[in-house]
């Protein structure tokens, strides 16, 4: 016996043409538990500017976290659009790490990872960028922090997180 009706509606949405390119350089983004580190490069992969956007979602409600993530995504996409540069992020997957932490009982680290909503950041960033015509590319995250610390932190006077963001951008440009 049917107790109601379901109505499905689909609305076509035209994709905004891309307004960014790697020809001018890229913006590398290192997503951390309490902030976002950004490193802007020229088309050769040399650092031009760095920036940090605070993003502390620990202890916040889900609505507060969504609002903070939305504001950060808006700010980051606006920066990329103004500069005309592609955003480069890491292709991370925490599902195996979370399962391992549950088995081991490391509650402090598990709590930090659960409040660190990488998938919400990634989804919000790609959705906002798609609407604004900003390209978002992903790179392999292997050893970006180590490479950044060893090769770029001292050379350019960057923090480890900004050096990792630089490494992420350079990896996309194949300049590392």
Protein backbone atom coordinates (compact mmCIF):
# COMPACT_ATOMS: atom_id res chain seq x y z
CA UNK A 1 0.00 0.00 0.00
CA UNK A 2 1.42 3.39 -1.06
CA UNK A 3 1.31 6.07 1.64
CA UNK A 4 2.50 9.02 -0.39
CA UNK A 5 4.01 10.30 -3.57
CA UNK A 6 7.58 11.07 -4.48
CA UNK A 7 8.31 13.81 -6.97
CA UNK A 8 11.80 14.07 -8.44
CA UNK A 9 12.85 17.23 -10.20
CA UNK A 10 16.04 17.81 -12.09
CA UNK A 11 17.20 21.20 -13.20
CA UNK A 12 20.00 21.66 -15.72
CA UNK A 13 22.82 23.84 -14.45
CA UNK A 14 25.31 25.18 -16.93
CA UNK A 15 28.94 24.93 -15.90
CA UNK A 16 30.71 28.25 -15.61
CA UNK A 17 33.62 28.50 -18.05
CA UNK A 18 37.04 28.19 -16.45
CA UNK A 19 38.62 31.50 -15.52
CA UNK A 20 41.81 29.99 -14.12
CA UNK A 21 44.86 28.39 -15.67
CA UNK A 22 48.21 26.92 -14.68
CA UNK A 23 49.91 29.20 -17.24
CA UNK A 24 50.13 31.95 -14.61
CA UNK A 25 51.06 29.51 -11.82
CA UNK A 26 49.10 27.66 -9.17
CA UNK A 27 47.91 27.97 -5.60
CA UNK A 28 48.99 24.99 -3.51
CA UNK A 29 46.77 24.19 -0.55
CA UNK A 30 47.88 22.18 2.50
CA UNK A 31 44.85 21.22 4.60
CA UNK A 32 45.62 20.77 8.30
CA UNK A 33 43.54 20.06 11.38
CA UNK A 34 43.30 23.69 12.53
CA UNK A 35 44.28 25.79 9.50
CA UNK A 36 44.80 25.91 5.76
CA UNK A 37 48.28 26.79 4.49
CA UNK A 38 48.41 28.37 1.04
CA UNK A 39 51.42 28.92 -1.22
CA UNK A 40 51.07 30.83 -4.49
CA UNK A 41 53.59 30.12 -7.25
CA UNK A 42 54.51 31.54 -10.61
CA UNK A 43 54.38 29.33 -13.71
CA UNK A 44 57.86 27.97 -12.97
CA UNK A 45 56.89 26.86 -9.45
CA UNK A 46 58.71 29.63 -7.59
CA UNK A 47 56.89 30.90 -4.50
CA UNK A 48 55.27 34.32 -4.78
CA UNK A 49 53.13 34.58 -1.66
CA UNK A 50 51.99 32.58 1.33
CA UNK A 51 48.92 32.80 3.50
CA UNK A 52 47.23 30.99 6.37
CA UNK A 53 43.48 30.68 6.87
CA UNK A 54 42.53 29.52 10.38
CA UNK A 55 40.01 26.67 10.44
CA UNK A 56 39.49 25.19 13.89
CA UNK A 57 36.43 22.90 13.83
CA UNK A 58 37.26 21.06 17.05
CA UNK A 59 34.52 21.50 19.64
CA UNK A 60 32.15 23.14 17.16
CA UNK A 61 28.67 21.92 16.25
CA UNK A 62 28.15 20.51 12.77
CA UNK A 63 26.42 23.73 11.69
CA UNK A 64 29.28 25.86 12.99
CA UNK A 65 31.81 23.61 11.23
CA UNK A 66 29.91 23.82 7.95
CA UNK A 67 29.79 27.61 8.23
CA UNK A 68 33.53 27.86 8.95
CA UNK A 69 34.36 25.51 6.07
CA UNK A 70 32.03 27.42 3.74
CA UNK A 71 33.65 30.74 4.62
CA UNK A 72 37.12 29.30 4.09
CA UNK A 73 36.13 27.80 0.71
CA UNK A 74 34.62 31.11 -0.38
CA UNK A 75 37.79 33.00 0.58
CA UNK A 76 40.08 30.49 -1.14
CA UNK A 77 38.06 30.36 -4.39
CA UNK A 78 37.87 34.17 -4.43
CA UNK A 79 41.67 34.36 -4.13
CA UNK A 80 42.17 31.83 -6.95
CA UNK A 81 39.70 33.65 -9.19
CA UNK A 82 41.35 37.05 -8.55
CA UNK A 83 44.78 35.62 -9.35
CA UNK A 84 43.51 33.50 -12.27
CA UNK A 85 45.33 30.45 -10.90
CA UNK A 86 44.31 26.83 -10.44
CA UNK A 87 43.87 25.45 -6.90
CA UNK A 88 45.90 22.32 -6.14
CA UNK A 89 44.95 20.09 -3.20
CA UNK A 90 46.09 16.71 -1.91
CA UNK A 91 44.14 13.57 -2.67
CA UNK A 92 43.76 12.28 0.90
CA UNK A 93 41.77 9.32 2.26
CA UNK A 94 41.41 8.96 6.03
CA UNK A 95 39.03 5.97 6.11
CA UNK A 96 41.79 3.40 6.71
CA UNK A 97 43.51 5.65 9.26
CA UNK A 98 40.26 6.12 11.24
CA UNK A 99 39.60 2.36 11.27
CA UNK A 100 43.13 1.68 12.52
CA UNK A 101 42.79 4.29 15.27
CA UNK A 102 39.54 2.72 16.49
CA UNK A 103 41.30 -0.63 16.87
CA UNK A 104 44.33 0.87 18.64
CA UNK A 105 42.31 3.07 20.96
CA UNK A 106 44.24 6.31 20.35
CA UNK A 107 41.34 8.54 21.41
CA UNK A 108 43.07 11.93 21.23
CA UNK A 109 44.24 11.45 17.63
CA UNK A 110 40.93 9.81 16.64
CA UNK A 111 39.02 12.80 18.05
CA UNK A 112 41.23 15.21 16.11
CA UNK A 113 40.71 13.25 12.89
CA UNK A 114 36.95 13.08 13.35
CA UNK A 115 36.69 16.83 13.90
CA UNK A 116 39.01 17.34 10.93
CA UNK A 117 36.49 17.01 8.13
CA UNK A 118 38.70 16.78 5.07
CA UNK A 119 35.89 15.42 2.89
CA UNK A 120 33.64 18.38 3.78
CA UNK A 121 36.47 20.78 2.94
CA UNK A 122 37.20 19.01 -0.35
CA UNK A 123 33.52 18.80 -1.36
CA UNK A 124 32.82 22.41 -0.39
CA UNK A 125 35.89 23.65 -2.20
CA UNK A 126 35.19 21.74 -5.42
CA UNK A 127 31.51 22.77 -5.44
CA UNK A 128 32.26 26.46 -4.88
CA UNK A 129 35.09 26.38 -7.42
CA UNK A 130 32.85 24.68 -10.01
CA UNK A 131 30.23 27.41 -9.63
CA UNK A 132 32.85 30.17 -9.89
CA UNK A 133 34.83 28.75 -12.83
CA UNK A 134 37.93 27.89 -10.80
CA UNK A 135 39.79 24.68 -11.59
CA UNK A 136 40.69 22.38 -8.67
CA UNK A 137 43.24 19.62 -9.25
CA UNK A 138 44.42 16.88 -6.91
CA UNK A 139 47.91 15.45 -6.52
CA UNK A 140 49.42 12.49 -4.74
CA UNK A 141 50.08 13.49 -1.11
CA UNK A 142 53.11 11.22 -0.63
CA UNK A 143 55.87 12.95 1.35
CA UNK A 144 54.77 16.53 0.61
CA UNK A 145 55.55 17.64 4.18
CA UNK A 146 58.95 15.92 4.19
CA UNK A 147 59.93 17.28 0.79
CA UNK A 148 58.73 20.75 1.75
CA UNK A 149 60.67 20.71 5.02
CA UNK A 150 63.90 19.50 3.42
CA UNK A 151 63.89 21.40 0.11
CA UNK A 152 61.89 24.59 0.61
CA UNK A 153 61.37 25.59 4.26
CA UNK A 154 64.83 27.02 4.91
CA UNK A 155 65.49 28.14 1.33
CA UNK A 156 62.39 30.35 1.18
CA UNK A 157 61.83 30.98 4.91
CA UNK A 158 58.55 29.07 4.97
CA UNK A 159 56.86 27.13 7.74
CA UNK A 160 56.60 23.38 7.21
CA UNK A 161 52.93 23.73 6.25
CA UNK A 162 53.57 26.48 3.70
CA UNK A 163 56.50 24.48 2.33
CA UNK A 164 54.16 21.48 1.99
CA UNK A 165 51.65 23.69 0.13
CA UNK A 166 54.47 24.82 -2.16
CA UNK A 167 55.41 21.18 -2.77
CA UNK A 168 51.78 20.35 -3.61
CA UNK A 169 51.67 23.16 -6.18
CA UNK A 170 55.05 22.27 -7.65
CA UNK A 171 54.05 18.60 -7.89
CA UNK A 172 51.15 19.57 -10.14
CA UNK A 173 53.46 21.72 -12.26
CA UNK A 174 55.98 18.84 -12.26
CA UNK A 175 58.62 21.25 -10.96
CA UNK A 176 59.73 19.42 -7.77
